[in-house]
C-alpha atoms as a PDB file:
ATOM      1  CA  MET A   1       4.214  -9.690   6.388  1.00  0.00           C
ATOM      2  CA  VAL A   2       3.614 -10.581  10.046  1.00  0.00           C
ATOM      3  CA  ALA A   3       5.717  -8.495  12.386  1.00  0.00           C
ATOM      4  CA  GLN A   4       6.613  -9.963  15.716  1.00  0.00           C
ATOM      5  CA  ALA A   5       6.799  -7.919  18.938  1.00  0.00           C
ATOM      6  CA  GLY A   6       8.481  -8.972  22.188  1.00  0.00           C
ATOM      7  CA  GLY A   7       7.222 -12.312  23.487  1.00  0.00           C
ATOM      8  CA  GLY A   8       6.250 -13.434  20.040  1.00  0.00           C
ATOM      9  CA  SER A   9       2.885 -11.751  19.864  1.00  0.00           C
ATOM     10  CA  ILE A  10       1.764 -10.271  16.506  1.00  0.00           C
ATOM     11  CA  ALA A  11       2.306  -6.534  16.272  1.00  0.00           C
ATOM     12  CA  VAL A  12      -1.310  -5.853  15.207  1.00  0.00           C
ATOM     13  CA  GLY A  13      -1.212  -2.051  15.372  1.00  0.00           C
ATOM     14  CA  ARG A  14       1.907  -1.751  13.154  1.00  0.00           C
ATOM     15  CA  GLN A  15       0.344  -4.291  10.777  1.00  0.00           C
ATOM     16  CA  ARG A  16      -2.839  -2.303  10.496  1.00  0.00           C
ATOM     17  CA  PHE A  17      -0.828   0.858   9.943  1.00  0.00           C
ATOM     18  CA  LEU A  18       1.283  -0.767   7.103  1.00  0.00           C
ATOM     19  CA  ALA A  19      -1.704  -2.440   5.482  1.00  0.00           C
ATOM     20  CA  ASP A  20      -3.761   0.762   5.360  1.00  0.00           C
ATOM     21  CA  ALA A  21      -0.807   2.731   3.965  1.00  0.00           C
ATOM     22  CA  ALA A  22      -0.268   0.117   1.247  1.00  0.00           C
ATOM     23  CA  ALA A  23      -4.020   0.031   0.407  1.00  0.00           C
ATOM     24  CA  ARG A  24      -3.944   3.833  -0.086  1.00  0.00           C
ATOM     25  CA  GLY A  25      -0.825   3.660  -2.207  1.00  0.00           C
ATOM     26  CA  LEU A  26       1.043   5.706   0.379  1.00  0.00           C
ATOM     27  CA  GLU A  27       4.741   5.228   0.675  1.00  0.00           C
ATOM     28  CA  VAL A  28       5.959   5.150   4.260  1.00  0.00           C
ATOM     29  CA  GLN A  29       9.350   4.481   5.792  1.00  0.00           C
ATOM     30  CA  LEU A  30       9.072   2.537   9.100  1.00  0.00           C
ATOM     31  CA  VAL A  31      11.880   3.141  11.547  1.00  0.00           C
ATOM     32  CA  GLU A  32      12.464   1.282  14.825  1.00  0.00           C
ATOM     33  CA  ARG A  33      13.573   3.663  17.491  1.00  0.00           C
ATOM     34  CA  LEU A  34      14.435   3.867  21.164  1.00  0.00           C
ATOM     35  CA  ALA A  35      11.812   5.022  23.618  1.00  0.00           C
ATOM     36  CA  ALA A  36      11.840   8.770  24.298  1.00  0.00           C
ATOM     37  CA  LYS A  37      10.768  10.668  27.372  1.00  0.00           C
ATOM     38  CA  SER A  38       9.922  13.844  25.464  1.00  0.00           C
ATOM     39  CA  LEU A  39       9.206  15.147  21.983  1.00  0.00           C
ATOM     40  CA  GLU A  40      12.638  16.834  21.843  1.00  0.00           C
ATOM     41  CA  GLU A  41      14.295  13.530  22.765  1.00  0.00           C
ATOM     42  CA  ALA A  42      12.257  11.657  20.112  1.00  0.00           C
ATOM     43  CA  ALA A  43      13.283  14.251  17.516  1.00  0.00           C
ATOM     44  CA  GLY A  44      16.974  13.896  18.562  1.00  0.00           C
ATOM     45  CA  ILE A  45      16.785  10.057  18.207  1.00  0.00           C
ATOM     46  CA  LEU A  46      15.251  10.354  14.772  1.00  0.00           C
ATOM     47  CA  GLY A  47      17.635  13.208  13.676  1.00  0.00           C
ATOM     48  CA  ILE A  48      14.873  15.658  12.908  1.00  0.00           C
ATOM     49  CA  THR A  49      13.356  18.767  14.509  1.00  0.00           C
ATOM     50  CA  PRO A  50      10.311  18.661  16.806  1.00  0.00           C
ATOM     51  CA  ALA A  51       8.338  20.470  14.045  1.00  0.00           C
ATOM     52  CA  GLU A  52       8.863  17.416  11.788  1.00  0.00           C
ATOM     53  CA  ILE A  53       7.195  15.074  14.341  1.00  0.00           C
ATOM     54  CA  VAL A  54       3.382  15.230  13.841  1.00  0.00           C
ATOM     55  CA  LYS A  55       1.179  14.331  16.754  1.00  0.00           C
ATOM     56  CA  SER A  56      -2.023  12.421  15.781  1.00  0.00           C
ATOM     57  CA  LEU A  57      -4.526  13.707  18.361  1.00  0.00           C
ATOM     58  CA  VAL A  58      -7.851  11.992  18.887  1.00  0.00           C
ATOM     59  CA  VAL A  59     -10.571  14.694  19.451  1.00  0.00           C
ATOM     60  CA  LYS A  60     -14.017  13.903  20.753  1.00  0.00           C
ATOM     61  CA  HIS A  61     -17.160  15.734  19.559  1.00  0.00           C
ATOM     62  CA  LYS A  62     -19.946  16.575  21.959  1.00  0.00           C
ATOM     63  CA  ASP A  63     -22.114  14.052  19.938  1.00  0.00           C
ATOM     64  CA  GLY A  64     -19.692  11.209  20.832  1.00  0.00           C
ATOM     65  CA  SER A  65     -18.021  10.948  17.467  1.00  0.00           C
ATOM     66  CA  PHE A  66     -14.221  11.509  16.986  1.00  0.00           C
ATOM     67  CA  LEU A  67     -11.785  13.057  14.543  1.00  0.00           C
ATOM     68  CA  PHE A  68      -8.052  13.133  14.110  1.00  0.00           C
ATOM     69  CA  ALA A  69      -6.106  16.367  14.395  1.00  0.00           C
ATOM     70  CA  LEU A  70      -2.585  16.216  12.978  1.00  0.00           C
ATOM     71  CA  ILE A  71      -0.436  18.874  14.749  1.00  0.00           C
ATOM     72  CA  PRO A  72       3.336  19.574  14.309  1.00  0.00           C
ATOM     73  CA  GLY A  73       5.307  18.735  17.448  1.00  0.00           C
ATOM     74  CA  ASP A  74       6.382  22.345  18.049  1.00  0.00           C
ATOM     75  CA  ARG A  75       2.797  23.578  17.999  1.00  0.00           C
ATOM     76  CA  GLN A  76      -0.384  22.959  20.038  1.00  0.00           C
ATOM     77  CA  ILE A  77      -3.943  22.407  18.947  1.00  0.00           C
ATOM     78  CA  SER A  78      -5.938  25.637  18.749  1.00  0.00           C
ATOM     79  CA  TRP A  79      -9.301  24.763  20.164  1.00  0.00           C
ATOM     80  CA  PRO A  80     -10.980  28.060  19.042  1.00  0.00           C
ATOM     81  CA  LYS A  81      -9.643  27.559  15.449  1.00  0.00           C
ATOM     82  CA  LEU A  82     -10.766  23.856  15.350  1.00  0.00           C
ATOM     83  CA  ARG A  83     -14.204  24.609  16.876  1.00  0.00           C
ATOM     84  CA  ASN A  84     -14.726  27.454  14.380  1.00  0.00           C
ATOM     85  CA  LEU A  85     -13.696  25.219  11.400  1.00  0.00           C
ATOM     86  CA  LEU A  86     -16.093  22.522  12.504  1.00  0.00           C
ATOM     87  CA  GLY A  87     -18.916  24.857  13.504  1.00  0.00           C
ATOM     88  CA  VAL A  88     -19.222  23.411  17.049  1.00  0.00           C
ATOM     89  CA  ASN A  89     -18.888  24.846  20.508  1.00  0.00           C
ATOM     90  CA  LYS A  90     -17.367  21.835  22.353  1.00  0.00           C
ATOM     91  CA  LEU A  91     -14.566  19.497  21.504  1.00  0.00           C
ATOM     92  CA  SER A  92     -12.240  17.627  23.985  1.00  0.00           C
ATOM     93  CA  LEU A  93      -9.301  15.215  24.236  1.00  0.00           C
ATOM     94  CA  PRO A  94     -10.738  11.947  25.537  1.00  0.00           C
ATOM     95  CA  PRO A  95      -8.986   9.899  28.223  1.00  0.00           C
ATOM     96  CA  ALA A  96      -6.449   7.324  26.973  1.00  0.00           C
ATOM     97  CA  ASP A  97      -8.837   4.379  27.293  1.00  0.00           C
ATOM     98  CA  VAL A  98     -11.497   6.124  25.198  1.00  0.00           C
ATOM     99  CA  ALA A  99      -8.900   7.102  22.487  1.00  0.00           C
ATOM    100  CA  LEU A 100      -7.773   3.412  22.414  1.00  0.00           C
ATOM    101  CA  GLU A 101     -11.393   2.239  22.023  1.00  0.00           C
ATOM    102  CA  ALA A 102     -11.989   4.803  19.286  1.00  0.00           C
ATOM    103  CA  THR A 103      -8.849   4.029  17.226  1.00  0.00           C
ATOM    104  CA  GLY A 104      -7.438   0.686  18.341  1.00  0.00           C
ATOM    105  CA  TYR A 105      -4.138   2.462  19.192  1.00  0.00           C
ATOM    106  CA  GLU A 106      -2.540   3.359  22.511  1.00  0.00           C
ATOM    107  CA  ARG A 107      -1.424   6.917  23.098  1.00  0.00           C
ATOM    108  CA  GLY A 108       2.001   7.478  21.728  1.00  0.00           C
ATOM    109  CA  THR A 109       1.233   5.122  18.749  1.00  0.00           C
ATOM    110  CA  ILE A 110      -1.918   6.790  17.424  1.00  0.00           C
ATOM    111  CA  THR A 111      -2.208   7.421  13.721  1.00  0.00           C
ATOM    112  CA  PRO A 112      -5.197   7.789  11.341  1.00  0.00           C
ATOM    113  CA  LEU A 113      -3.691   5.009   9.187  1.00  0.00           C
ATOM    114  CA  GLY A 114      -5.117   1.682  10.243  1.00  0.00           C
ATOM    115  CA  SER A 115      -7.478   3.113  12.837  1.00  0.00           C
ATOM    116  CA  THR A 116     -10.179   0.648  13.682  1.00  0.00           C
ATOM    117  CA  THR A 117     -12.671   3.411  12.664  1.00  0.00           C
ATOM    118  CA  ALA A 118     -11.862   5.785   9.814  1.00  0.00           C
ATOM    119  CA  TRP A 119     -12.589   9.059  11.597  1.00  0.00           C
ATOM    120  CA  PRO A 120     -12.288  12.344   9.684  1.00  0.00           C
ATOM    121  CA  VAL A 121      -8.788  13.849   9.583  1.00  0.00           C
ATOM    122  CA  TYR A 122      -7.907  17.538  10.021  1.00  0.00           C
ATOM    123  CA  ALA A 123      -4.269  18.408   9.425  1.00  0.00           C
ATOM    124  CA  ASP A 124      -2.618  21.656  10.412  1.00  0.00           C
ATOM    125  CA  ALA A 125      -1.474  23.654   7.416  1.00  0.00           C
ATOM    126  CA  ALA A 126       2.030  23.913   8.892  1.00  0.00           C
ATOM    127  CA  ILE A 127       2.790  20.319   7.976  1.00  0.00           C
ATOM    128  CA  ALA A 128       2.220  20.963   4.219  1.00  0.00           C
ATOM    129  CA  GLY A 129       5.184  20.450   1.883  1.00  0.00           C
ATOM    130  CA  ARG A 130       7.407  18.602   4.218  1.00  0.00           C
ATOM    131  CA  ARG A 131       8.450  15.070   5.126  1.00  0.00           C
ATOM    132  CA  ILE A 132       7.151  14.236   8.548  1.00  0.00           C
ATOM    133  CA  SER A 133       7.441  11.533  11.207  1.00  0.00           C
ATOM    134  CA  MET A 134       4.378  10.150  12.962  1.00  0.00           C
ATOM    135  CA  GLY A 135       3.168   7.274  15.060  1.00  0.00           C
ATOM    136  CA  ALA A 136       3.155   3.888  13.392  1.00  0.00           C
ATOM    137  CA  GLY A 137       0.680   1.959  15.530  1.00  0.00           C
ATOM    138  CA  GLU A 138       3.189   0.387  17.888  1.00  0.00           C
ATOM    139  CA  HIS A 139       5.554   1.712  20.601  1.00  0.00           C
ATOM    140  CA  GLY A 140       9.178   1.833  19.464  1.00  0.00           C
ATOM    141  CA  TYR A 141       8.381   2.666  15.869  1.00  0.00           C
ATOM    142  CA  SER A 142       7.988   5.849  13.880  1.00  0.00           C
ATOM    143  CA  ALA A 143       7.000   6.305  10.303  1.00  0.00           C
ATOM    144  CA  PHE A 144       8.282   8.879   7.864  1.00  0.00           C
ATOM    145  CA  VAL A 145       5.897  10.083   5.151  1.00  0.00           C
ATOM    146  CA  ASP A 146       5.341  12.911   2.755  1.00  0.00           C
ATOM    147  CA  ALA A 147       2.774  15.127   4.481  1.00  0.00           C
ATOM    148  CA  ASP A 148       1.052  16.175   1.239  1.00  0.00           C
ATOM    149  CA  ALA A 149       0.713  12.545   0.111  1.00  0.00           C
ATOM    150  CA  LEU A 150      -0.607  11.633   3.548  1.00  0.00           C
ATOM    151  CA  THR A 151      -3.277  14.368   3.654  1.00  0.00           C
ATOM    152  CA  SER A 152      -4.308  13.497   0.139  1.00  0.00           C
ATOM    153  CA  ALA A 153      -4.536   9.772   0.837  1.00  0.00           C
ATOM    154  CA  LEU A 154      -6.598  10.418   3.941  1.00  0.00           C
ATOM    155  CA  GLY A 155      -8.866  13.043   2.351  1.00  0.00           C
ATOM    156  CA  ALA A 156      -7.799  15.300   5.136  1.00  0.00           C
ATOM    157  CA  VAL A 157      -9.010  18.890   5.568  1.00  0.00           C
ATOM    158  CA  VAL A 158      -5.932  21.054   5.745  1.00  0.00           C
ATOM    159  CA  ALA A 159      -6.335  24.281   7.704  1.00  0.00           C
ATOM    160  CA  ASP A 160      -4.782  26.436  10.351  1.00  0.00           C
ATOM    161  CA  ILE A 161      -5.740  24.617  13.487  1.00  0.00           C
ATOM    162  CA  SER A 162      -2.721  25.156  15.705  1.00  0.00           C
ATOM    163  CA  ASP A 163      -0.873  27.841  17.657  1.00  0.00           C
ATOM    164  CA  PRO A 164       2.846  28.095  18.649  1.00  0.00           C
ATOM    165  CA  THR A 165       3.635  26.355  21.962  1.00  0.00           C
END
């Protein structure tokens, strides 16, 4: 399936997302949605709570490699917890252009599924056992997926890596 975006260009990010999900046997529901100015607005548009939206954060190691941290929308990444889990003393969120280069996705569309490089995935334990929404590789789209199936398909490490906002 070749999806068309505005102006007739191929929606490559969404295609990569869907192809990777299919290759992993992961069932996803793609939903076209209006642009949102905030997480709360996005949750309202999708008819869910902010906790059900999972942010896919690109995290940079001091050594230059990256990882994905999947964090519920109502929580924030806990740097001390993540550093402790990884046994490192420095991690950071890279600038948008670096995240794009590392994943092939723009901020707001980032997902581990279909990333141009398959970086390790760390998922916050708070997403376990629920249906979540996440980026789908293209602005204007969200994907719904079972969090446990997602973490299993990605071989993600599931741990407590977030704090309340």
